[in-house]
Amino acid sequence: MLFARCDDRLVHGQVLFKWVDHEQIKKIIIVDDKTASDIIEKQMIQMTKPKNCEVSFLTSSQMDQIQADTNNKSMVLFKNIHLACHFVQQYHLASLNLGRMASGIGKTKVLSNLFLTSEESQRLLDTINQGIRVYSQMVPEDKAIDLETYLRREAK
């Protein structure tokens, strides 16, 4: 089973101490070109991961190697919304969880922790139009916020 999340921080406390336990994650797969080639960042993530959880690092071109494990749940983490949308569509996943996506030039505030470019918003809408639930939820205890209404309002 696969749980897909897009968060510009990748691995951090909310992932390590909340989502891994809540979703009973046994493997974290990080798909990010920069992180996959950064030895120091990879070592830091390996040192902070839970003992019962494996971590692997893939570049965007290696993303097709991901295989769902029917016995154990894996979390696939992205920094890039376009890659995350491509992944959930390719693997026919039911949903995509969005964590924090920071503000920046050309980005519009969607929620307090979610800022998107018009291209990212459109890509998420395309994903929703394919029947995939796209929602924002920082930690499992928070209420999940379906983004379809917010994104359609932004698209107008």
N, C-alpha and C. Protein backbone atom coordinates (compact mmCIF):
# COMPACT_ATOMS: atom_id res chain seq x y z
N MET A 1 0.84 -1.17 0.00
CA MET A 1 0.00 0.00 0.00
C MET A 1 0.89 1.24 0.00
N LEU A 2 0.42 2.28 -0.68
CA LEU A 2 1.19 3.51 -0.80
C LEU A 2 0.40 4.70 -0.27
N PHE A 3 1.07 5.56 0.47
CA PHE A 3 0.51 6.81 0.98
C PHE A 3 1.37 7.92 0.40
N ALA A 4 0.79 8.79 -0.41
CA ALA A 4 1.55 9.85 -1.09
C ALA A 4 1.33 11.19 -0.38
N ARG A 5 2.44 11.89 -0.15
CA ARG A 5 2.39 13.20 0.51
C ARG A 5 3.37 14.13 -0.19
N CYS A 6 2.94 15.37 -0.36
CA CYS A 6 3.79 16.40 -0.93
C CYS A 6 3.96 17.49 0.13
N ASP A 7 5.21 17.75 0.51
CA ASP A 7 5.53 18.71 1.56
C ASP A 7 6.92 19.25 1.26
N ASP A 8 7.06 20.55 1.20
CA ASP A 8 8.36 21.10 0.80
C ASP A 8 9.47 20.85 1.82
N ARG A 9 9.12 20.36 2.99
CA ARG A 9 10.13 20.03 4.01
C ARG A 9 10.55 18.57 3.97
N LEU A 10 9.85 17.77 3.18
CA LEU A 10 10.08 16.32 3.10
C LEU A 10 9.97 15.69 4.48
N VAL A 11 11.07 15.20 5.03
CA VAL A 11 11.04 14.50 6.31
C VAL A 11 11.29 15.50 7.44
N HIS A 12 10.37 15.53 8.38
CA HIS A 12 10.45 16.42 9.54
C HIS A 12 9.63 15.81 10.65
N GLY A 13 9.52 16.48 11.76
CA GLY A 13 8.85 15.92 12.93
C GLY A 13 7.44 15.42 12.68
N GLN A 14 6.64 16.17 11.92
CA GLN A 14 5.26 15.75 11.67
C GLN A 14 5.21 14.43 10.91
N VAL A 15 6.13 14.24 10.00
CA VAL A 15 6.18 12.98 9.25
C VAL A 15 6.70 11.87 10.16
N LEU A 16 7.83 12.11 10.82
CA LEU A 16 8.47 11.07 11.62
C LEU A 16 7.67 10.65 12.83
N PHE A 17 7.04 11.59 13.52
CA PHE A 17 6.39 11.26 14.78
C PHE A 17 4.87 11.17 14.71
N LYS A 18 4.28 11.64 13.66
CA LYS A 18 2.82 11.60 13.55
C LYS A 18 2.37 10.65 12.44
N TRP A 19 2.75 10.96 11.20
CA TRP A 19 2.24 10.19 10.06
C TRP A 19 2.76 8.75 10.04
N VAL A 20 4.03 8.54 10.36
CA VAL A 20 4.58 7.19 10.33
C VAL A 20 3.81 6.29 11.29
N ASP A 21 3.55 6.76 12.51
CA ASP A 21 2.78 5.97 13.47
C ASP A 21 1.33 5.81 13.04
N HIS A 22 0.69 6.91 12.69
CA HIS A 22 -0.73 6.88 12.35
C HIS A 22 -1.03 5.96 11.17
N GLU A 23 -0.20 6.03 10.15
CA GLU A 23 -0.42 5.23 8.93
C GLU A 23 0.31 3.89 8.97
N GLN A 24 1.00 3.61 10.06
CA GLN A 24 1.77 2.37 10.23
C GLN A 24 2.74 2.17 9.05
N ILE A 25 3.50 3.22 8.79
CA ILE A 25 4.45 3.23 7.68
C ILE A 25 5.68 2.39 8.03
N LYS A 26 6.08 1.53 7.12
CA LYS A 26 7.28 0.71 7.30
C LYS A 26 8.43 1.18 6.41
N LYS A 27 8.10 1.99 5.40
CA LYS A 27 9.13 2.48 4.49
C LYS A 27 8.77 3.88 4.02
N ILE A 28 9.75 4.78 4.04
CA ILE A 28 9.59 6.13 3.50
C ILE A 28 10.43 6.20 2.23
N ILE A 29 9.78 6.57 1.14
CA ILE A 29 10.46 6.71 -0.14
C ILE A 29 10.44 8.19 -0.49
N ILE A 30 11.62 8.79 -0.57
CA ILE A 30 11.73 10.21 -0.87
C ILE A 30 12.08 10.36 -2.34
N VAL A 31 11.23 11.07 -3.08
CA VAL A 31 11.47 11.30 -4.50
C VAL A 31 11.80 12.78 -4.67
N ASP A 32 13.09 13.05 -4.81
CA ASP A 32 13.56 14.43 -4.97
C ASP A 32 14.99 14.38 -5.51
N ASP A 33 15.21 15.00 -6.64
CA ASP A 33 16.52 14.95 -7.29
C ASP A 33 17.63 15.50 -6.40
N LYS A 34 17.38 16.64 -5.77
CA LYS A 34 18.42 17.28 -4.94
C LYS A 34 18.75 16.42 -3.73
N THR A 35 17.73 15.95 -3.03
CA THR A 35 17.96 15.14 -1.84
C THR A 35 18.64 13.82 -2.18
N ALA A 36 18.24 13.20 -3.28
CA ALA A 36 18.82 11.92 -3.68
C ALA A 36 20.32 12.02 -3.96
N SER A 37 20.79 13.21 -4.29
CA SER A 37 22.22 13.38 -4.60
C SER A 37 23.00 14.08 -3.48
N ASP A 38 22.34 14.39 -2.37
CA ASP A 38 22.98 15.10 -1.26
C ASP A 38 23.31 14.11 -0.14
N ILE A 39 24.56 13.71 -0.07
CA ILE A 39 24.99 12.70 0.90
C ILE A 39 24.72 13.13 2.33
N ILE A 40 24.99 14.38 2.66
CA ILE A 40 24.80 14.86 4.03
C ILE A 40 23.32 14.85 4.42
N GLU A 41 22.46 15.35 3.54
CA GLU A 41 21.02 15.35 3.85
C GLU A 41 20.50 13.93 4.01
N LYS A 42 20.95 13.03 3.16
CA LYS A 42 20.52 11.63 3.26
C LYS A 42 20.97 11.02 4.59
N GLN A 43 22.18 11.30 5.01
CA GLN A 43 22.67 10.78 6.29
C GLN A 43 21.87 11.34 7.46
N MET A 44 21.54 12.63 7.40
CA MET A 44 20.75 13.24 8.47
C MET A 44 19.38 12.58 8.57
N ILE A 45 18.75 12.35 7.44
CA ILE A 45 17.43 11.70 7.44
C ILE A 45 17.55 10.28 7.97
N GLN A 46 18.57 9.55 7.55
CA GLN A 46 18.77 8.17 8.03
C GLN A 46 18.95 8.14 9.56
N MET A 47 19.64 9.14 10.11
CA MET A 47 19.90 9.18 11.55
C MET A 47 18.64 9.49 12.35
N THR A 48 17.68 10.21 11.76
CA THR A 48 16.49 10.62 12.51
C THR A 48 15.29 9.71 12.29
N LYS A 49 15.37 8.81 11.36
CA LYS A 49 14.22 7.96 11.04
C LYS A 49 13.90 7.00 12.20
N PRO A 50 12.65 6.60 12.33
CA PRO A 50 12.31 5.61 13.34
C PRO A 50 13.04 4.28 13.05
N LYS A 51 13.36 3.54 14.10
CA LYS A 51 14.11 2.29 13.94
C LYS A 51 13.37 1.26 13.10
N ASN A 52 12.07 1.24 13.19
CA ASN A 52 11.28 0.23 12.48
C ASN A 52 10.88 0.68 11.07
N CYS A 53 11.53 1.70 10.56
CA CYS A 53 11.14 2.28 9.27
C CYS A 53 12.37 2.41 8.36
N GLU A 54 12.24 1.88 7.17
CA GLU A 54 13.30 1.96 6.17
C GLU A 54 13.12 3.25 5.37
N VAL A 55 14.22 3.84 4.90
CA VAL A 55 14.15 5.05 4.08
C VAL A 55 14.94 4.81 2.80
N SER A 56 14.36 5.21 1.67
CA SER A 56 15.10 5.15 0.41
C SER A 56 14.95 6.48 -0.31
N PHE A 57 15.89 6.76 -1.18
CA PHE A 57 15.96 8.03 -1.90
C PHE A 57 15.99 7.75 -3.39
N LEU A 58 15.09 8.39 -4.12
CA LEU A 58 15.03 8.21 -5.57
C LEU A 58 15.03 9.56 -6.27
N THR A 59 15.59 9.58 -7.45
CA THR A 59 15.46 10.76 -8.30
C THR A 59 14.12 10.67 -9.02
N SER A 60 13.71 11.75 -9.64
CA SER A 60 12.44 11.74 -10.37
C SER A 60 12.46 10.70 -11.49
N SER A 61 13.60 10.48 -12.11
CA SER A 61 13.67 9.50 -13.20
C SER A 61 13.62 8.06 -12.68
N GLN A 62 13.85 7.85 -11.40
CA GLN A 62 13.77 6.51 -10.81
C GLN A 62 12.40 6.21 -10.19
N MET A 63 11.51 7.17 -10.22
CA MET A 63 10.21 7.05 -9.57
C MET A 63 9.42 5.84 -10.05
N ASP A 64 9.60 5.45 -11.30
CA ASP A 64 8.85 4.31 -11.84
C ASP A 64 9.26 2.98 -11.20
N GLN A 65 10.33 2.97 -10.43
CA GLN A 65 10.79 1.75 -9.77
C GLN A 65 9.99 1.42 -8.51
N ILE A 66 9.20 2.36 -8.05
CA ILE A 66 8.45 2.16 -6.80
C ILE A 66 7.42 1.06 -7.01
N GLN A 67 7.41 0.15 -6.06
CA GLN A 67 6.43 -0.94 -6.09
C GLN A 67 5.67 -0.96 -4.78
N ALA A 68 4.37 -1.14 -4.89
CA ALA A 68 3.55 -1.24 -3.69
C ALA A 68 3.80 -2.59 -3.03
N ASP A 69 3.89 -2.58 -1.72
CA ASP A 69 4.07 -3.80 -0.94
C ASP A 69 2.72 -4.09 -0.30
N THR A 70 2.14 -5.23 -0.63
CA THR A 70 0.81 -5.55 -0.12
C THR A 70 0.81 -5.82 1.39
N ASN A 71 1.97 -6.14 1.95
CA ASN A 71 2.04 -6.44 3.38
C ASN A 71 2.39 -5.24 4.25
N ASN A 72 3.09 -4.27 3.68
CA ASN A 72 3.54 -3.12 4.45
C ASN A 72 3.22 -1.83 3.71
N LYS A 73 2.93 -0.80 4.48
CA LYS A 73 2.59 0.49 3.89
C LYS A 73 3.84 1.35 3.73
N SER A 74 3.95 1.99 2.58
CA SER A 74 5.05 2.90 2.30
C SER A 74 4.51 4.31 2.11
N MET A 75 5.27 5.29 2.61
CA MET A 75 4.95 6.69 2.36
C MET A 75 5.89 7.18 1.28
N VAL A 76 5.32 7.78 0.24
CA VAL A 76 6.13 8.36 -0.83
C VAL A 76 6.05 9.87 -0.66
N LEU A 77 7.20 10.50 -0.43
CA LEU A 77 7.28 11.94 -0.15
C LEU A 77 7.86 12.69 -1.33
N PHE A 78 7.21 13.80 -1.65
CA PHE A 78 7.64 14.67 -2.74
C PHE A 78 7.75 16.10 -2.24
N LYS A 79 8.62 16.88 -2.87
CA LYS A 79 8.65 18.34 -2.71
C LYS A 79 7.91 19.00 -3.86
N ASN A 80 7.83 18.30 -4.97
CA ASN A 80 7.33 18.86 -6.23
C ASN A 80 5.91 18.37 -6.51
N ILE A 81 4.97 19.31 -6.62
CA ILE A 81 3.57 18.97 -6.85
C ILE A 81 3.37 18.26 -8.19
N HIS A 82 4.07 18.70 -9.22
CA HIS A 82 3.90 18.06 -10.53
C HIS A 82 4.31 16.59 -10.49
N LEU A 83 5.42 16.29 -9.83
CA LEU A 83 5.85 14.89 -9.68
C LEU A 83 4.85 14.09 -8.85
N ALA A 84 4.37 14.68 -7.77
CA ALA A 84 3.42 13.99 -6.90
C ALA A 84 2.13 13.66 -7.66
N CYS A 85 1.64 14.61 -8.44
CA CYS A 85 0.42 14.37 -9.23
C CYS A 85 0.65 13.29 -10.27
N HIS A 86 1.79 13.36 -10.95
CA HIS A 86 2.12 12.32 -11.94
C HIS A 86 2.13 10.95 -11.27
N PHE A 87 2.72 10.87 -10.10
CA PHE A 87 2.83 9.61 -9.38
C PHE A 87 1.46 9.04 -9.00
N VAL A 88 0.62 9.85 -8.36
CA VAL A 88 -0.68 9.32 -7.91
C VAL A 88 -1.56 8.93 -9.09
N GLN A 89 -1.41 9.63 -10.21
CA GLN A 89 -2.16 9.26 -11.41
C GLN A 89 -1.62 7.97 -12.01
N GLN A 90 -0.31 7.86 -12.11
CA GLN A 90 0.31 6.68 -12.70
C GLN A 90 0.01 5.42 -11.89
N TYR A 91 0.02 5.55 -10.57
CA TYR A 91 -0.19 4.40 -9.69
C TYR A 91 -1.66 4.23 -9.29
N HIS A 92 -2.53 5.07 -9.81
CA HIS A 92 -3.97 5.00 -9.55
C HIS A 92 -4.28 5.02 -8.05
N LEU A 93 -3.60 5.91 -7.33
CA LEU A 93 -3.86 6.04 -5.91
C LEU A 93 -5.16 6.81 -5.69
N ALA A 94 -5.78 6.59 -4.56
CA ALA A 94 -7.06 7.22 -4.26
C ALA A 94 -6.90 8.67 -3.83
N SER A 95 -5.71 9.02 -3.28
CA SER A 95 -5.58 10.37 -2.72
C SER A 95 -4.13 10.85 -2.72
N LEU A 96 -4.02 12.17 -2.55
CA LEU A 96 -2.73 12.85 -2.39
C LEU A 96 -2.87 13.80 -1.21
N ASN A 97 -2.00 13.64 -0.22
CA ASN A 97 -1.98 14.48 0.97
C ASN A 97 -0.98 15.60 0.75
N LEU A 98 -1.40 16.83 0.99
CA LEU A 98 -0.49 17.98 0.91
C LEU A 98 -0.20 18.49 2.31
N GLY A 99 1.08 18.64 2.59
CA GLY A 99 1.52 19.26 3.83
C GLY A 99 1.79 20.73 3.55
N ARG A 100 2.88 21.23 4.09
CA ARG A 100 3.21 22.64 3.87
C ARG A 100 3.87 22.83 2.51
N MET A 101 3.40 23.83 1.81
CA MET A 101 4.05 24.31 0.60
C MET A 101 4.22 25.81 0.82
N ALA A 102 5.46 26.23 1.00
CA ALA A 102 5.77 27.59 1.44
C ALA A 102 5.41 28.65 0.41
N SER A 103 5.29 29.87 0.90
CA SER A 103 5.02 31.01 0.03
C SER A 103 6.26 31.30 -0.81
N GLY A 104 6.05 32.04 -1.87
CA GLY A 104 7.15 32.41 -2.75
C GLY A 104 6.65 33.27 -3.89
N ILE A 105 7.57 33.72 -4.70
CA ILE A 105 7.23 34.57 -5.85
C ILE A 105 6.32 33.80 -6.79
N GLY A 106 5.22 34.43 -7.17
CA GLY A 106 4.28 33.82 -8.10
C GLY A 106 3.32 32.84 -7.47
N LYS A 107 3.33 32.74 -6.14
CA LYS A 107 2.44 31.81 -5.46
C LYS A 107 1.29 32.56 -4.80
N THR A 108 0.14 31.90 -4.75
CA THR A 108 -1.05 32.45 -4.13
C THR A 108 -1.39 31.63 -2.90
N LYS A 109 -1.84 32.30 -1.85
CA LYS A 109 -2.22 31.62 -0.61
C LYS A 109 -3.54 30.89 -0.83
N VAL A 110 -3.53 29.58 -0.58
CA VAL A 110 -4.74 28.77 -0.66
C VAL A 110 -5.25 28.51 0.75
N LEU A 111 -4.36 28.10 1.62
CA LEU A 111 -4.62 27.91 3.04
C LEU A 111 -3.45 28.53 3.80
N SER A 112 -3.53 28.56 5.11
CA SER A 112 -2.46 29.21 5.89
C SER A 112 -1.09 28.59 5.66
N ASN A 113 -1.05 27.32 5.33
CA ASN A 113 0.22 26.62 5.14
C ASN A 113 0.43 26.15 3.69
N LEU A 114 -0.40 26.64 2.79
CA LEU A 114 -0.38 26.13 1.42
C LEU A 114 -0.41 27.28 0.41
N PHE A 115 0.69 27.44 -0.30
CA PHE A 115 0.83 28.47 -1.33
C PHE A 115 1.18 27.77 -2.63
N LEU A 116 0.46 28.12 -3.71
CA LEU A 116 0.64 27.43 -4.98
C LEU A 116 0.77 28.40 -6.14
N THR A 117 1.51 28.00 -7.16
CA THR A 117 1.52 28.74 -8.41
C THR A 117 0.25 28.37 -9.17
N SER A 118 -0.09 29.13 -10.19
CA SER A 118 -1.27 28.79 -10.99
C SER A 118 -1.07 27.45 -11.68
N GLU A 119 0.16 27.14 -12.09
CA GLU A 119 0.44 25.85 -12.74
C GLU A 119 0.24 24.69 -11.76
N GLU A 120 0.68 24.88 -10.52
CA GLU A 120 0.48 23.83 -9.51
C GLU A 120 -1.00 23.63 -9.21
N SER A 121 -1.74 24.73 -9.09
CA SER A 121 -3.19 24.64 -8.85
C SER A 121 -3.87 23.89 -9.98
N GLN A 122 -3.51 24.21 -11.21
CA GLN A 122 -4.12 23.54 -12.36
C GLN A 122 -3.76 22.05 -12.38
N ARG A 123 -2.53 21.73 -12.05
CA ARG A 123 -2.10 20.32 -12.03
C ARG A 123 -2.88 19.55 -10.98
N LEU A 124 -3.10 20.16 -9.83
CA LEU A 124 -3.90 19.52 -8.78
C LEU A 124 -5.35 19.36 -9.22
N LEU A 125 -5.90 20.36 -9.90
CA LEU A 125 -7.27 20.24 -10.42
C LEU A 125 -7.37 19.12 -11.45
N ASP A 126 -6.38 19.00 -12.31
CA ASP A 126 -6.36 17.91 -13.28
C ASP A 126 -6.36 16.56 -12.57
N THR A 127 -5.63 16.48 -11.48
CA THR A 127 -5.58 15.25 -10.68
C THR A 127 -6.94 14.97 -10.05
N ILE A 128 -7.57 15.99 -9.51
CA ILE A 128 -8.91 15.84 -8.93
C ILE A 128 -9.90 15.39 -10.00
N ASN A 129 -9.79 15.97 -11.19
CA ASN A 129 -10.70 15.61 -12.29
C ASN A 129 -10.55 14.15 -12.71
N GLN A 130 -9.46 13.52 -12.33
CA GLN A 130 -9.27 12.10 -12.62
C GLN A 130 -9.79 11.22 -11.48
N GLY A 131 -10.49 11.84 -10.54
CA GLY A 131 -11.11 11.08 -9.46
C GLY A 131 -10.21 10.85 -8.25
N ILE A 132 -9.11 11.57 -8.17
CA ILE A 132 -8.18 11.42 -7.05
C ILE A 132 -8.45 12.52 -6.03
N ARG A 133 -8.61 12.12 -4.79
CA ARG A 133 -8.84 13.10 -3.72
C ARG A 133 -7.54 13.82 -3.40
N VAL A 134 -7.57 15.14 -3.42
CA VAL A 134 -6.42 15.96 -3.04
C VAL A 134 -6.85 16.76 -1.80
N TYR A 135 -6.10 16.58 -0.72
CA TYR A 135 -6.47 17.23 0.53
C TYR A 135 -5.23 17.72 1.26
N SER A 136 -5.45 18.68 2.14
CA SER A 136 -4.38 19.20 2.98
C SER A 136 -4.65 18.75 4.41
N GLN A 137 -3.62 18.21 5.02
CA GLN A 137 -3.72 17.79 6.42
C GLN A 137 -2.31 17.74 6.98
N MET A 138 -2.01 18.64 7.87
CA MET A 138 -0.65 18.73 8.40
C MET A 138 -0.29 17.52 9.25
N VAL A 139 -1.18 17.17 10.18
CA VAL A 139 -0.97 16.01 11.05
C VAL A 139 -2.28 15.23 11.11
N PRO A 140 -2.23 13.95 11.46
CA PRO A 140 -3.44 13.13 11.47
C PRO A 140 -4.55 13.68 12.37
N GLU A 141 -4.18 14.38 13.44
CA GLU A 141 -5.19 14.91 14.36
C GLU A 141 -5.97 16.08 13.77
N ASP A 142 -5.42 16.73 12.76
CA ASP A 142 -6.11 17.85 12.10
C ASP A 142 -7.20 17.31 11.19
N LYS A 143 -8.20 18.13 10.98
CA LYS A 143 -9.25 17.79 10.02
C LYS A 143 -8.66 17.89 8.61
N ALA A 144 -8.93 16.88 7.79
CA ALA A 144 -8.49 16.92 6.39
C ALA A 144 -9.34 17.93 5.64
N ILE A 145 -8.70 18.77 4.84
CA ILE A 145 -9.41 19.79 4.07
C ILE A 145 -9.31 19.43 2.59
N ASP A 146 -10.44 19.02 2.02
CA ASP A 146 -10.46 18.74 0.58
C ASP A 146 -10.23 20.04 -0.17
N LEU A 147 -9.36 20.00 -1.16
CA LEU A 147 -8.94 21.23 -1.83
C LEU A 147 -9.70 21.56 -3.10
N GLU A 148 -10.59 20.71 -3.53
CA GLU A 148 -11.27 20.96 -4.80
C GLU A 148 -11.96 22.32 -4.84
N THR A 149 -12.75 22.64 -3.83
CA THR A 149 -13.47 23.92 -3.81
C THR A 149 -12.51 25.10 -3.82
N TYR A 150 -11.46 25.02 -3.03
CA TYR A 150 -10.47 26.11 -2.96
C TYR A 150 -9.78 26.30 -4.31
N LEU A 151 -9.41 25.20 -4.95
CA LEU A 151 -8.69 25.28 -6.22
C LEU A 151 -9.59 25.77 -7.35
N ARG A 152 -10.84 25.34 -7.35
CA ARG A 152 -11.77 25.80 -8.40
C ARG A 152 -12.04 27.30 -8.25
N ARG A 153 -12.10 27.78 -7.02
CA ARG A 153 -12.30 29.21 -6.77
C ARG A 153 -11.08 29.99 -7.29
N GLU A 154 -9.88 29.47 -7.05
CA GLU A 154 -8.66 30.12 -7.51
C GLU A 154 -8.56 30.13 -9.03
N ALA A 155 -9.11 29.10 -9.67
CA ALA A 155 -9.00 28.96 -11.13
C ALA A 155 -9.89 29.96 -11.87
N LYS A 156 -10.88 30.50 -11.18
CA LYS A 156 -11.82 31.43 -11.84
C LYS A 156 -11.21 32.79 -12.03
